[in-house]
Amino acid sequence: MKRPVVGVRHTGFWTVIWTHSGSWPTHTHKHTHAIKTIICIIGCVSLCLSQDRQYVGFATLPNQVHRKSVKKGFDFTLMVAGESGLGKSTLVNSLFLTDLYKDRKLLNAEERISQTVEITKHTVDIEEKGVKLKLTIVDTPGFGDAVNNNECWKPITDYIDQQFEQYFRDESGLNRKNILDNRVHCCLYFIPPFGHGLRPVDVEFMKALHEKVNIIPLIAKADCLTPNEIKKFKDRVRDEIEKFGIKVYQFPECDSDEDEEFKQLDKQLKECTPFAVIGSNTVVEARGQRVRGRLYPWGIVEVENETHCDFVKLRNMLIRSHMHDLKDVTCDVHYENYRAQLTRCRPSTLQLKRMQEMLEKMQQQIHEKDQ
């Protein structure tokens, strides 16, 4: 049976593709490999053209979203709360490798006693590999420093509500294209390591805020405790959080299609809460390398050494893996709860119209009596 032959002929060499019904020419056996290669190329081109006709293009949507997001930039608002001297400023500077407290004035003991809780904001623009982040740090100096700390969390809850209210007004306005999101996406609450668990002020603070913001509890100055003491302290804090019904930030469950490495990291993060952290902006030399840490007579505590503290786990969670989820929970849960509560409390348009009509009738009756 004869088979079609594909080849090319030009002055004794195959350079032009042709077909005919016949057997392979015997004098062209040395060009057989080249001819087969040409046939493969023709088949690949035909397959690509066929796939192109079936390709719509919506698979590029993630790339479009990525380009638009990178061009617009990102914003994140982080609140730090806890009594003075727990290393809040140092930890924030260590997390984002910046100095947000250059002009900070340290108060003496007398000034701290008379100080009330204040709200201060520090905003800095950070860029990394072309990605821009507008970071806002909300500090709460004066919290927990007074002798009487009754309702010392009230200015903090009022501030969070004010940001929700401002966002609600902007969202309800006419120009909604460039709304500034100043809502607090996360609150790092510093627990002192000197006690035997949560203090009453810690419990009341977290219960006052857990419906309004994502709370991540931290054990401050973990270098004051031994590894065994840290483990016991974490267990005690977890038990008390569950006992008092405090709703701290819950890590989302991993999807079934996630890789095993991500699932393992997520499991480690859940087991580490509350994070035992150490902050330092000082560079010291350890094992022939320069690292950020604290130098003591008995040795060096390295900030980024996972056997010394949970700083790296906190940074990975807060910045690299769960920052977007913190923003989503703020928008979809906390803000929606505030919005629903505000809508229930506010009278409807129909009720306002009826009240206005009743007021007009009363004014008309008074006017008729005067005449």
Protein backbone atom coordinates (compact mmCIF):
# COMPACT_ATOMS: atom_id res chain seq x y z
CA MET A 1 0.00 0.00 0.00
CA LYS A 2 1.35 3.36 -0.98
CA ARG A 3 1.65 6.19 1.57
CA PRO A 4 1.88 9.95 1.08
CA VAL A 5 5.35 11.42 1.21
CA VAL A 6 6.05 14.89 2.52
CA GLY A 7 9.26 16.50 1.44
CA VAL A 8 10.97 19.36 -0.30
CA ARG A 9 13.11 19.28 -3.42
CA HIS A 10 15.48 21.90 -4.75
CA THR A 11 18.52 21.09 -6.91
CA GLY A 12 19.03 17.74 -5.30
CA PHE A 13 18.22 18.98 -1.72
CA TRP A 14 14.82 18.98 0.00
CA THR A 15 13.89 22.59 0.67
CA VAL A 16 10.25 22.90 -0.46
CA ILE A 17 7.43 20.90 1.11
CA TRP A 18 5.55 18.67 -1.31
CA THR A 19 3.34 15.58 -1.12
CA HIS A 20 2.52 12.73 -3.47
CA SER A 21 1.36 9.15 -3.21
CA GLY A 22 4.38 6.97 -3.29
CA SER A 23 7.18 5.50 -1.25
CA TRP A 24 10.08 7.36 0.31
CA PRO A 25 12.74 8.08 -2.33
CA THR A 26 15.75 5.90 -1.71
CA HIS A 27 18.28 8.63 -2.47
CA THR A 28 16.91 10.90 0.29
CA HIS A 29 17.47 8.64 3.29
CA LYS A 30 20.05 11.04 4.73
CA HIS A 31 17.38 13.77 4.89
CA THR A 32 14.73 11.60 6.58
CA HIS A 33 15.38 13.09 10.06
CA ALA A 34 15.08 16.66 8.76
CA ILE A 35 11.82 15.85 6.98
CA LYS A 36 10.34 14.28 10.11
CA THR A 37 11.30 17.38 12.07
CA ILE A 38 9.44 19.56 9.55
CA ILE A 39 6.39 17.34 9.87
CA CYS A 40 6.46 17.70 13.70
CA ILE A 41 6.72 21.49 13.41
CA ILE A 42 3.72 21.58 11.05
CA GLY A 43 1.73 19.45 13.51
CA CYS A 44 2.62 21.71 16.47
CA VAL A 45 1.65 24.84 14.55
CA SER A 46 -1.68 23.28 13.60
CA LEU A 47 -2.31 22.29 17.24
CA CYS A 48 -1.48 25.80 18.49
CA LEU A 49 -3.81 27.35 15.93
CA SER A 50 -6.55 24.98 17.03
CA GLN A 51 -5.99 25.85 20.68
CA ASP A 52 -5.96 29.58 19.86
CA ARG A 53 -9.40 29.27 18.33
CA GLN A 54 -10.65 27.66 21.57
CA TYR A 55 -8.91 30.22 23.86
CA VAL A 56 -11.21 32.98 25.13
CA GLY A 57 -8.79 34.89 27.37
CA PHE A 58 -10.47 35.23 30.77
CA ALA A 59 -7.61 33.18 32.26
CA THR A 60 -5.62 36.45 32.29
CA LEU A 61 -8.02 38.08 34.79
CA PRO A 62 -5.71 37.40 37.79
CA ASN A 63 -2.90 39.19 35.94
CA GLN A 64 -5.17 42.17 35.30
CA VAL A 65 -6.18 42.34 38.98
CA HIS A 66 -2.52 42.04 40.02
CA ARG A 67 -1.42 44.92 37.77
CA LYS A 68 -4.27 47.14 38.94
CA SER A 69 -3.67 46.36 42.62
CA VAL A 70 0.08 46.99 42.40
CA LYS A 71 -0.53 50.28 40.60
CA LYS A 72 -3.09 51.42 43.20
CA GLY A 73 -1.07 50.27 46.21
CA PHE A 74 -2.25 48.85 49.51
CA ASP A 75 -3.11 50.26 52.93
CA PHE A 76 -3.11 48.70 56.37
CA THR A 77 -3.95 50.12 59.79
CA LEU A 78 -2.43 48.47 62.83
CA MET A 79 -3.27 49.37 66.43
CA VAL A 80 -0.93 48.58 69.32
CA ALA A 81 -2.28 48.59 72.87
CA GLY A 82 -0.82 47.79 76.27
CA GLU A 83 0.73 49.53 79.22
CA SER A 84 3.94 51.51 78.85
CA GLY A 85 7.30 49.75 78.93
CA LEU A 86 6.25 46.53 77.14
CA GLY A 87 8.19 47.27 73.95
CA LYS A 88 5.31 48.22 71.63
CA SER A 89 7.28 50.84 69.68
CA THR A 90 10.36 48.62 69.41
CA LEU A 91 8.33 45.69 68.08
CA VAL A 92 6.60 47.80 65.44
CA ASN A 93 9.95 49.17 64.24
CA SER A 94 11.33 45.63 64.16
CA LEU A 95 8.35 44.31 62.17
CA PHE A 96 8.50 46.88 59.38
CA LEU A 97 12.23 47.81 59.53
CA THR A 98 11.48 51.48 59.97
CA ASP A 99 11.58 54.15 62.68
CA LEU A 100 8.10 55.49 63.37
CA TYR A 101 8.89 57.10 66.71
CA LYS A 102 11.74 59.48 65.98
CA ASP A 103 10.17 62.45 67.79
CA ARG A 104 8.69 60.53 70.70
CA LYS A 105 8.97 62.18 74.09
CA LEU A 106 9.46 59.86 77.07
CA LEU A 107 7.42 60.83 80.13
CA ASN A 108 8.68 60.66 83.68
CA ALA A 109 6.80 58.90 86.52
CA GLU A 110 4.85 62.01 87.61
CA GLU A 111 3.67 62.75 84.08
CA ARG A 112 2.56 59.16 83.57
CA ILE A 113 0.36 59.27 86.68
CA SER A 114 -1.56 62.32 85.42
CA GLN A 115 -1.60 61.17 81.77
CA THR A 116 -4.89 60.18 80.17
CA VAL A 117 -5.33 57.70 77.33
CA GLU A 118 -4.53 59.32 73.99
CA ILE A 119 -4.74 58.18 70.39
CA THR A 120 -1.77 58.95 68.15
CA LYS A 121 -1.33 58.04 64.49
CA HIS A 122 1.90 57.48 62.57
CA THR A 123 1.71 56.97 58.81
CA VAL A 124 4.58 55.84 56.62
CA ASP A 125 4.77 54.79 52.97
CA ILE A 126 6.79 51.62 52.44
CA GLU A 127 7.83 50.16 49.09
CA GLU A 128 9.21 46.67 48.52
CA LYS A 129 9.90 45.20 45.06
CA GLY A 130 7.59 47.70 43.42
CA VAL A 131 4.69 47.06 45.83
CA LYS A 132 3.61 50.14 47.80
CA LEU A 133 2.08 49.92 51.28
CA LYS A 134 0.62 52.82 53.22
CA LEU A 135 1.07 51.72 56.82
CA THR A 136 -0.75 53.50 59.65
CA ILE A 137 0.18 52.71 63.25
CA VAL A 138 -2.36 53.73 65.89
CA ASP A 139 -0.74 53.99 69.31
CA THR A 140 -2.52 54.28 72.66
CA PRO A 141 -0.14 55.99 75.12
CA GLY A 142 -1.46 56.17 78.66
CA PHE A 143 -3.48 52.95 78.50
CA GLY A 144 -3.20 50.96 81.73
CA ASP A 145 -0.74 53.38 83.34
CA ALA A 146 -3.10 55.06 85.82
CA VAL A 147 -3.90 53.89 89.33
CA ASN A 148 -7.59 53.70 88.45
CA ASN A 149 -7.96 52.07 85.01
CA ASN A 150 -11.73 51.92 85.05
CA GLU A 151 -12.97 52.23 81.44
CA CYS A 152 -9.54 53.30 80.22
CA TRP A 153 -10.41 51.49 76.96
CA LYS A 154 -13.30 53.89 76.21
CA PRO A 155 -11.24 56.34 74.06
CA ILE A 156 -9.97 53.36 72.05
CA THR A 157 -13.44 51.96 71.34
CA ASP A 158 -14.66 55.47 70.50
CA TYR A 159 -11.83 55.89 68.00
CA ILE A 160 -12.63 52.59 66.27
CA ASP A 161 -16.32 53.55 66.05
CA GLN A 162 -15.39 56.96 64.64
CA GLN A 163 -13.45 55.32 61.82
CA PHE A 164 -16.41 53.06 61.05
CA GLU A 165 -18.74 56.06 61.06
CA GLN A 166 -16.46 58.07 58.76
CA TYR A 167 -16.21 55.18 56.32
CA PHE A 168 -19.99 54.74 56.41
CA ARG A 169 -20.49 58.43 55.58
CA ASP A 170 -18.00 58.29 52.72
CA GLU A 171 -19.62 55.12 51.43
CA SER A 172 -23.05 56.73 51.52
CA GLY A 173 -21.86 59.92 49.81
CA LEU A 174 -21.78 60.84 46.15
CA ASN A 175 -18.04 60.54 45.54
CA ARG A 176 -17.17 56.96 46.46
CA LYS A 177 -14.29 56.47 44.06
CA ASN A 178 -11.45 57.55 46.35
CA ILE A 179 -12.61 56.54 49.82
CA LEU A 180 -9.86 56.52 52.43
CA ASP A 181 -9.96 53.38 54.53
CA ASN A 182 -8.84 54.35 58.03
CA ARG A 183 -10.61 51.45 59.75
CA VAL A 184 -8.43 49.54 62.20
CA HIS A 185 -7.65 46.17 60.64
CA CYS A 186 -5.75 44.61 63.52
CA CYS A 187 -4.99 45.27 67.19
CA LEU A 188 -1.86 43.84 68.78
CA TYR A 189 -2.57 43.62 72.50
CA PHE A 190 0.52 43.31 74.71
CA ILE A 191 0.16 41.17 77.82
CA PRO A 192 2.82 41.74 80.50
CA PRO A 193 4.87 38.61 81.32
CA PHE A 194 5.12 39.39 85.03
CA GLY A 195 1.74 38.09 86.22
CA HIS A 196 0.03 34.70 86.26
CA GLY A 197 -2.19 35.17 83.23
CA LEU A 198 -4.67 37.83 82.17
CA ARG A 199 -5.36 40.73 84.50
CA PRO A 200 -8.88 42.16 84.92
CA VAL A 201 -7.96 45.15 82.72
CA ASP A 202 -6.78 42.76 79.98
CA VAL A 203 -10.04 40.83 80.07
CA GLU A 204 -12.22 43.96 80.04
CA PHE A 205 -10.23 45.57 77.24
CA MET A 206 -10.46 42.56 74.92
CA LYS A 207 -14.15 42.02 75.70
CA ALA A 208 -14.84 45.67 74.87
CA LEU A 209 -13.05 45.43 71.51
CA HIS A 210 -13.47 41.86 70.26
CA GLU A 211 -16.66 42.71 68.33
CA LYS A 212 -15.02 45.73 66.66
CA VAL A 213 -11.49 44.70 65.63
CA ASN A 214 -9.26 41.67 65.07
CA ILE A 215 -7.38 41.16 68.35
CA ILE A 216 -4.06 39.31 68.35
CA PRO A 217 -2.76 38.83 71.92
CA LEU A 218 1.01 38.95 72.44
CA ILE A 219 3.16 38.03 75.43
CA ALA A 220 5.57 40.95 75.64
CA LYS A 221 9.23 40.72 76.60
CA ALA A 222 9.36 36.96 76.30
CA ASP A 223 13.08 37.00 77.15
CA CYS A 224 12.00 37.43 80.79
CA LEU A 225 10.68 33.85 80.81
CA THR A 226 12.20 30.42 80.30
CA PRO A 227 10.83 28.19 77.52
CA ASN A 228 8.93 26.11 80.08
CA GLU A 229 7.45 29.24 81.66
CA ILE A 230 6.40 30.55 78.24
CA LYS A 231 4.58 27.29 77.48
CA LYS A 232 2.70 27.39 80.79
CA PHE A 233 1.89 31.09 80.37
CA LYS A 234 0.49 30.47 76.86
CA ASP A 235 -1.69 27.60 78.09
CA ARG A 236 -3.03 29.75 80.93
CA VAL A 237 -3.83 32.69 78.63
CA ARG A 238 -5.59 30.40 76.11
CA ASP A 239 -7.68 28.85 78.89
CA GLU A 240 -8.69 32.27 80.25
CA ILE A 241 -9.55 33.58 76.78
CA GLU A 242 -11.90 30.62 76.34
CA LYS A 243 -13.24 30.94 79.90
CA PHE A 244 -14.22 34.61 79.55
CA GLY A 245 -15.61 34.19 76.02
CA ILE A 246 -13.11 36.53 74.35
CA LYS A 247 -13.16 36.37 70.55
CA VAL A 248 -9.61 36.83 69.32
CA TYR A 249 -8.66 36.62 65.65
CA GLN A 250 -9.25 33.11 64.29
CA PHE A 251 -7.01 31.83 61.52
CA PRO A 252 -9.04 30.70 58.49
CA GLU A 253 -9.18 26.99 57.77
CA CYS A 254 -6.97 25.73 54.95
CA ASP A 255 -8.63 24.66 51.72
CA SER A 256 -8.34 21.03 50.66
CA ASP A 257 -6.27 21.99 47.60
CA GLU A 258 -3.58 23.80 49.61
CA ASP A 259 -0.12 22.26 49.60
CA GLU A 260 1.16 20.42 52.64
CA GLU A 261 3.78 23.06 53.43
CA PHE A 262 1.16 25.79 53.79
CA LYS A 263 -1.04 23.53 55.93
CA GLN A 264 1.90 22.81 58.22
CA LEU A 265 2.72 26.52 58.58
CA ASP A 266 -0.94 27.29 59.35
CA LYS A 267 -0.96 24.57 62.01
CA GLN A 268 2.19 26.01 63.61
CA LEU A 269 0.69 29.51 63.72
CA LYS A 270 -2.45 28.25 65.47
CA GLU A 271 -0.38 26.37 68.05
CA CYS A 272 1.82 29.44 68.76
CA THR A 273 -0.94 31.84 69.84
CA PRO A 274 -0.59 33.94 71.88
CA PHE A 275 2.74 34.87 70.31
CA ALA A 276 5.66 35.33 72.70
CA VAL A 277 7.68 38.18 71.16
CA ILE A 278 10.89 40.12 71.62
CA GLY A 279 11.71 43.37 69.84
CA SER A 280 15.09 44.95 69.19
CA ASN A 281 16.56 47.48 66.78
CA THR A 282 20.12 46.78 67.91
CA VAL A 283 22.48 44.74 65.75
CA VAL A 284 24.76 42.38 67.68
CA GLU A 285 27.26 39.72 66.62
CA ALA A 286 26.33 36.07 67.21
CA ARG A 287 28.16 33.02 65.82
CA GLY A 288 30.16 35.26 63.49
CA GLN A 289 27.02 36.89 62.05
CA ARG A 290 25.42 40.26 62.68
CA VAL A 291 21.83 39.80 63.84
CA ARG A 292 19.16 41.87 65.55
CA GLY A 293 18.97 40.92 69.19
CA ARG A 294 19.61 41.77 72.82
CA LEU A 295 22.95 41.29 74.56
CA TYR A 296 22.88 39.98 78.14
CA PRO A 297 25.70 38.87 80.48
CA TRP A 298 24.54 35.27 80.05
CA GLY A 299 24.21 35.36 76.25
CA ILE A 300 22.43 36.83 73.25
CA VAL A 301 18.70 36.71 72.48
CA GLU A 302 18.10 36.81 68.74
CA VAL A 303 14.87 38.41 67.57
CA GLU A 304 14.64 36.37 64.36
CA ASN A 305 15.63 33.04 65.90
CA GLU A 306 12.48 30.89 66.13
CA THR A 307 13.90 28.92 69.05
CA HIS A 308 14.14 32.15 71.07
CA CYS A 309 10.74 33.75 70.37
CA ASP A 310 7.76 33.87 67.97
CA PHE A 311 8.72 37.12 66.26
CA VAL A 312 9.25 35.50 62.84
CA LYS A 313 5.92 33.64 63.06
CA LEU A 314 4.12 36.86 63.98
CA ARG A 315 5.74 38.76 61.10
CA ASN A 316 4.92 36.02 58.60
CA MET A 317 1.33 35.88 59.77
CA LEU A 318 0.79 39.62 59.96
CA ILE A 319 2.49 40.62 56.71
CA ARG A 320 3.18 37.67 54.43
CA SER A 321 0.20 35.35 54.81
CA HIS A 322 -2.81 36.88 56.62
CA MET A 323 -2.75 40.64 56.06
CA HIS A 324 -5.42 40.46 53.37
CA ASP A 325 -7.58 38.16 55.49
CA LEU A 326 -7.38 40.63 58.39
CA LYS A 327 -8.70 43.31 56.06
CA ASP A 328 -11.44 41.01 54.75
CA VAL A 329 -12.64 40.13 58.27
CA THR A 330 -12.65 43.83 59.19
CA CYS A 331 -14.78 44.67 56.15
CA ASP A 332 -17.05 41.62 56.01
CA VAL A 333 -17.61 41.02 59.72
CA HIS A 334 -16.79 43.92 62.04
CA TYR A 335 -17.80 46.76 59.73
CA GLU A 336 -20.94 44.95 58.57
CA ASN A 337 -21.95 44.40 62.21
CA TYR A 338 -21.49 48.12 62.88
CA ARG A 339 -23.39 49.01 59.72
CA ALA A 340 -26.29 46.69 60.57
CA GLN A 341 -26.49 48.07 64.11
CA LEU A 342 -26.41 51.63 62.81
CA THR A 343 -29.13 50.89 60.26
CA ARG A 344 -31.38 49.39 62.94
CA CYS A 345 -30.90 52.36 65.24
CA ARG A 346 -31.42 55.02 62.57
CA PRO A 347 -35.04 55.80 61.63
CA SER A 348 -36.04 54.93 58.09
CA THR A 349 -36.75 57.52 55.40
CA LEU A 350 -40.48 56.77 55.62
CA GLN A 351 -40.48 57.36 59.38
CA LEU A 352 -38.64 60.66 58.94
CA LYS A 353 -41.17 61.75 56.32
CA ARG A 354 -44.10 60.93 58.62
CA MET A 355 -42.49 62.79 61.52
CA GLN A 356 -41.94 65.80 59.27
CA GLU A 357 -45.57 65.77 58.13
CA MET A 358 -46.77 65.55 61.76
CA LEU A 359 -44.53 68.47 62.69
CA GLU A 360 -45.89 70.56 59.81
CA LYS A 361 -49.47 69.81 60.90
CA MET A 362 -48.72 70.79 64.49
CA GLN A 363 -47.12 74.04 63.34
CA GLN A 364 -50.12 74.76 61.13
CA GLN A 365 -52.55 74.16 64.04
CA ILE A 366 -50.55 76.45 66.32
CA HIS A 367 -50.50 79.10 63.62
CA GLU A 368 -54.33 78.85 63.18
CA LYS A 369 -54.92 79.18 66.94
CA ASP A 370 -52.75 82.31 67.08
CA GLN A 371 -54.87 83.89 64.37
